Amino acid sequence: MTSKCLYHELISEMKPGKKVHPLIATLQQTKRLIRIVVGFTVLAIGIIMIALPGPAIVVIPVGLGILATEFVWARHLLKRFKDGANSIKDAVLNNKPKADN
């Protein structure tokens, strides 16, 4: 007999249309709150790094990526950031100096 943790036991007992167990709802809300707090913290650190030394260009997308799991606006900002980064990458790669033979 294998032992399951309480969370997996409660999940396996859930049926469609059945009310969610209060413990599961609390765990889900806690996980969501942790993701939101961590995401905003990382994003704030990235924004601070714009003025202070640090890799803001790396940290800000990480914060947006964490927040994108919960918020649509963060997904849109992350997509704009990725599109802008791809545009810059394409511009840099297409403007290579040609070697003289």
C-alpha atoms as a PDB file:
ATOM      1  CA  MET A   1       0.000   0.000   0.000  1.00  0.00           C
ATOM      2  CA  THR A   2       1.424   3.364  -0.997  1.00  0.00           C
ATOM      3  CA  SER A   3       0.946   6.396   1.155  1.00  0.00           C
ATOM      4  CA  LYS A   4      -0.290   9.596  -0.473  1.00  0.00           C
ATOM      5  CA  CYS A   5      -0.021  13.030   0.940  1.00  0.00           C
ATOM      6  CA  LEU A   6      -3.231  14.606   2.175  1.00  0.00           C
ATOM      7  CA  TYR A   7      -3.364  17.030  -0.761  1.00  0.00           C
ATOM      8  CA  HIS A   8      -3.303  14.233  -3.369  1.00  0.00           C
ATOM      9  CA  GLU A   9      -5.814  12.206  -1.393  1.00  0.00           C
ATOM     10  CA  LEU A  10      -8.257  15.104  -1.332  1.00  0.00           C
ATOM     11  CA  ILE A  11      -7.713  15.823  -5.040  1.00  0.00           C
ATOM     12  CA  SER A  12      -8.369  12.196  -5.995  1.00  0.00           C
ATOM     13  CA  GLU A  13     -11.675  12.226  -4.075  1.00  0.00           C
ATOM     14  CA  MET A  14     -12.965  15.262  -5.959  1.00  0.00           C
ATOM     15  CA  LYS A  15     -15.597  14.648  -8.600  1.00  0.00           C
ATOM     16  CA  PRO A  16     -16.880  17.071 -11.256  1.00  0.00           C
ATOM     17  CA  GLY A  17     -19.612  19.265  -9.825  1.00  0.00           C
ATOM     18  CA  LYS A  18     -18.591  18.372  -6.278  1.00  0.00           C
ATOM     19  CA  LYS A  19     -17.730  21.218  -3.947  1.00  0.00           C
ATOM     20  CA  VAL A  20     -14.007  21.837  -3.446  1.00  0.00           C
ATOM     21  CA  HIS A  21     -12.680  20.839  -0.053  1.00  0.00           C
ATOM     22  CA  PRO A  22     -11.854  23.942   2.033  1.00  0.00           C
ATOM     23  CA  LEU A  23      -8.277  22.745   2.581  1.00  0.00           C
ATOM     24  CA  ILE A  24      -7.693  22.494  -1.183  1.00  0.00           C
ATOM     25  CA  ALA A  25      -9.169  25.949  -1.749  1.00  0.00           C
ATOM     26  CA  THR A  26      -6.932  27.379   0.963  1.00  0.00           C
ATOM     27  CA  LEU A  27      -3.823  25.708  -0.475  1.00  0.00           C
ATOM     28  CA  GLN A  28      -4.640  27.005  -3.969  1.00  0.00           C
ATOM     29  CA  GLN A  29      -5.194  30.531  -2.655  1.00  0.00           C
ATOM     30  CA  THR A  30      -1.947  30.376  -0.687  1.00  0.00           C
ATOM     31  CA  LYS A  31       0.033  29.229  -3.739  1.00  0.00           C
ATOM     32  CA  ARG A  32      -1.527  32.009  -5.813  1.00  0.00           C
ATOM     33  CA  LEU A  33      -0.699  34.618  -3.180  1.00  0.00           C
ATOM     34  CA  ILE A  34       2.905  33.400  -2.984  1.00  0.00           C
ATOM     35  CA  ARG A  35       3.268  33.595  -6.797  1.00  0.00           C
ATOM     36  CA  ILE A  36       1.853  37.125  -6.808  1.00  0.00           C
ATOM     37  CA  VAL A  37       4.087  38.364  -3.971  1.00  0.00           C
ATOM     38  CA  VAL A  38       7.220  36.767  -5.453  1.00  0.00           C
ATOM     39  CA  GLY A  39       6.381  38.086  -8.930  1.00  0.00           C
ATOM     40  CA  PHE A  40       5.861  41.672  -7.767  1.00  0.00           C
ATOM     41  CA  THR A  41       8.994  41.488  -5.616  1.00  0.00           C
ATOM     42  CA  VAL A  42      11.156  40.288  -8.512  1.00  0.00           C
ATOM     43  CA  LEU A  43       9.592  42.883 -10.827  1.00  0.00           C
ATOM     44  CA  ALA A  44      10.234  45.672  -8.289  1.00  0.00           C
ATOM     45  CA  ILE A  45      13.855  44.568  -7.887  1.00  0.00           C
ATOM     46  CA  GLY A  46      14.227  44.617 -11.674  1.00  0.00           C
ATOM     47  CA  ILE A  47      12.783  48.122 -11.899  1.00  0.00           C
ATOM     48  CA  ILE A  48      15.155  49.289  -9.150  1.00  0.00           C
ATOM     49  CA  MET A  49      18.033  47.753 -11.119  1.00  0.00           C
ATOM     50  CA  ILE A  50      17.321  50.146 -13.978  1.00  0.00           C
ATOM     51  CA  ALA A  51      18.854  52.934 -11.869  1.00  0.00           C
ATOM     52  CA  LEU A  52      21.220  50.783  -9.810  1.00  0.00           C
ATOM     53  CA  PRO A  53      23.802  48.344 -11.131  1.00  0.00           C
ATOM     54  CA  GLY A  54      22.321  45.008 -11.990  1.00  0.00           C
ATOM     55  CA  PRO A  55      20.839  42.929 -14.793  1.00  0.00           C
ATOM     56  CA  ALA A  56      17.447  44.655 -15.012  1.00  0.00           C
ATOM     57  CA  ILE A  57      16.945  43.437 -18.572  1.00  0.00           C
ATOM     58  CA  VAL A  58      16.977  39.872 -17.246  1.00  0.00           C
ATOM     59  CA  VAL A  59      15.181  40.328 -13.924  1.00  0.00           C
ATOM     60  CA  ILE A  60      12.167  42.291 -15.234  1.00  0.00           C
ATOM     61  CA  PRO A  61      11.085  39.553 -17.693  1.00  0.00           C
ATOM     62  CA  VAL A  62      11.496  36.941 -14.955  1.00  0.00           C
ATOM     63  CA  GLY A  63       9.156  38.932 -12.709  1.00  0.00           C
ATOM     64  CA  LEU A  64       6.695  39.378 -15.572  1.00  0.00           C
ATOM     65  CA  GLY A  65       6.891  35.658 -16.305  1.00  0.00           C
ATOM     66  CA  ILE A  66       5.963  34.819 -12.732  1.00  0.00           C
ATOM     67  CA  LEU A  67       3.109  37.338 -12.772  1.00  0.00           C
ATOM     68  CA  ALA A  68       1.958  36.100 -16.194  1.00  0.00           C
ATOM     69  CA  THR A  69       0.804  32.875 -14.544  1.00  0.00           C
ATOM     70  CA  GLU A  70      -1.845  34.926 -12.731  1.00  0.00           C
ATOM     71  CA  PHE A  71      -2.481  38.150 -14.675  1.00  0.00           C
ATOM     72  CA  VAL A  72      -3.364  38.788 -18.318  1.00  0.00           C
ATOM     73  CA  TRP A  73      -1.774  42.272 -18.270  1.00  0.00           C
ATOM     74  CA  ALA A  74       1.559  40.694 -17.318  1.00  0.00           C
ATOM     75  CA  ARG A  75       1.241  38.262 -20.240  1.00  0.00           C
ATOM     76  CA  HIS A  76       0.704  41.176 -22.609  1.00  0.00           C
ATOM     77  CA  LEU A  77       3.701  43.093 -21.227  1.00  0.00           C
ATOM     78  CA  LEU A  78       5.881  39.980 -21.409  1.00  0.00           C
ATOM     79  CA  LYS A  79       4.813  39.429 -25.036  1.00  0.00           C
ATOM     80  CA  ARG A  80       5.669  43.053 -25.884  1.00  0.00           C
ATOM     81  CA  PHE A  81       9.045  42.639 -24.176  1.00  0.00           C
ATOM     82  CA  LYS A  82       9.755  39.441 -26.127  1.00  0.00           C
ATOM     83  CA  ASP A  83       8.685  41.054 -29.417  1.00  0.00           C
ATOM     84  CA  GLY A  84      10.932  44.049 -28.735  1.00  0.00           C
ATOM     85  CA  ALA A  85      13.856  41.799 -27.841  1.00  0.00           C
ATOM     86  CA  ASN A  86      13.353  39.788 -31.026  1.00  0.00           C
ATOM     87  CA  SER A  87      13.261  43.002 -33.092  1.00  0.00           C
ATOM     88  CA  ILE A  88      16.529  44.164 -31.531  1.00  0.00           C
ATOM     89  CA  LYS A  89      18.098  40.745 -32.063  1.00  0.00           C
ATOM     90  CA  ASP A  90      17.041  40.697 -35.731  1.00  0.00           C
ATOM     91  CA  ALA A  91      18.338  44.234 -36.274  1.00  0.00           C
ATOM     92  CA  VAL A  92      21.706  43.364 -34.738  1.00  0.00           C
ATOM     93  CA  LEU A  93      22.070  40.099 -36.649  1.00  0.00           C
ATOM     94  CA  ASN A  94      21.057  41.661 -39.982  1.00  0.00           C
ATOM     95  CA  ASN A  95      23.517  44.574 -39.651  1.00  0.00           C
ATOM     96  CA  LYS A  96      26.703  42.529 -39.359  1.00  0.00           C
ATOM     97  CA  PRO A  97      29.650  44.112 -41.122  1.00  0.00           C
ATOM     98  CA  LYS A  98      30.614  42.155 -44.205  1.00  0.00           C
ATOM     99  CA  ALA A  99      34.129  40.778 -44.390  1.00  0.00           C
ATOM    100  CA  ASP A 100      36.290  42.164 -47.203  1.00  0.00           C
ATOM    101  CA  ASN A 101      37.898  39.492 -49.341  1.00  0.00           C
END
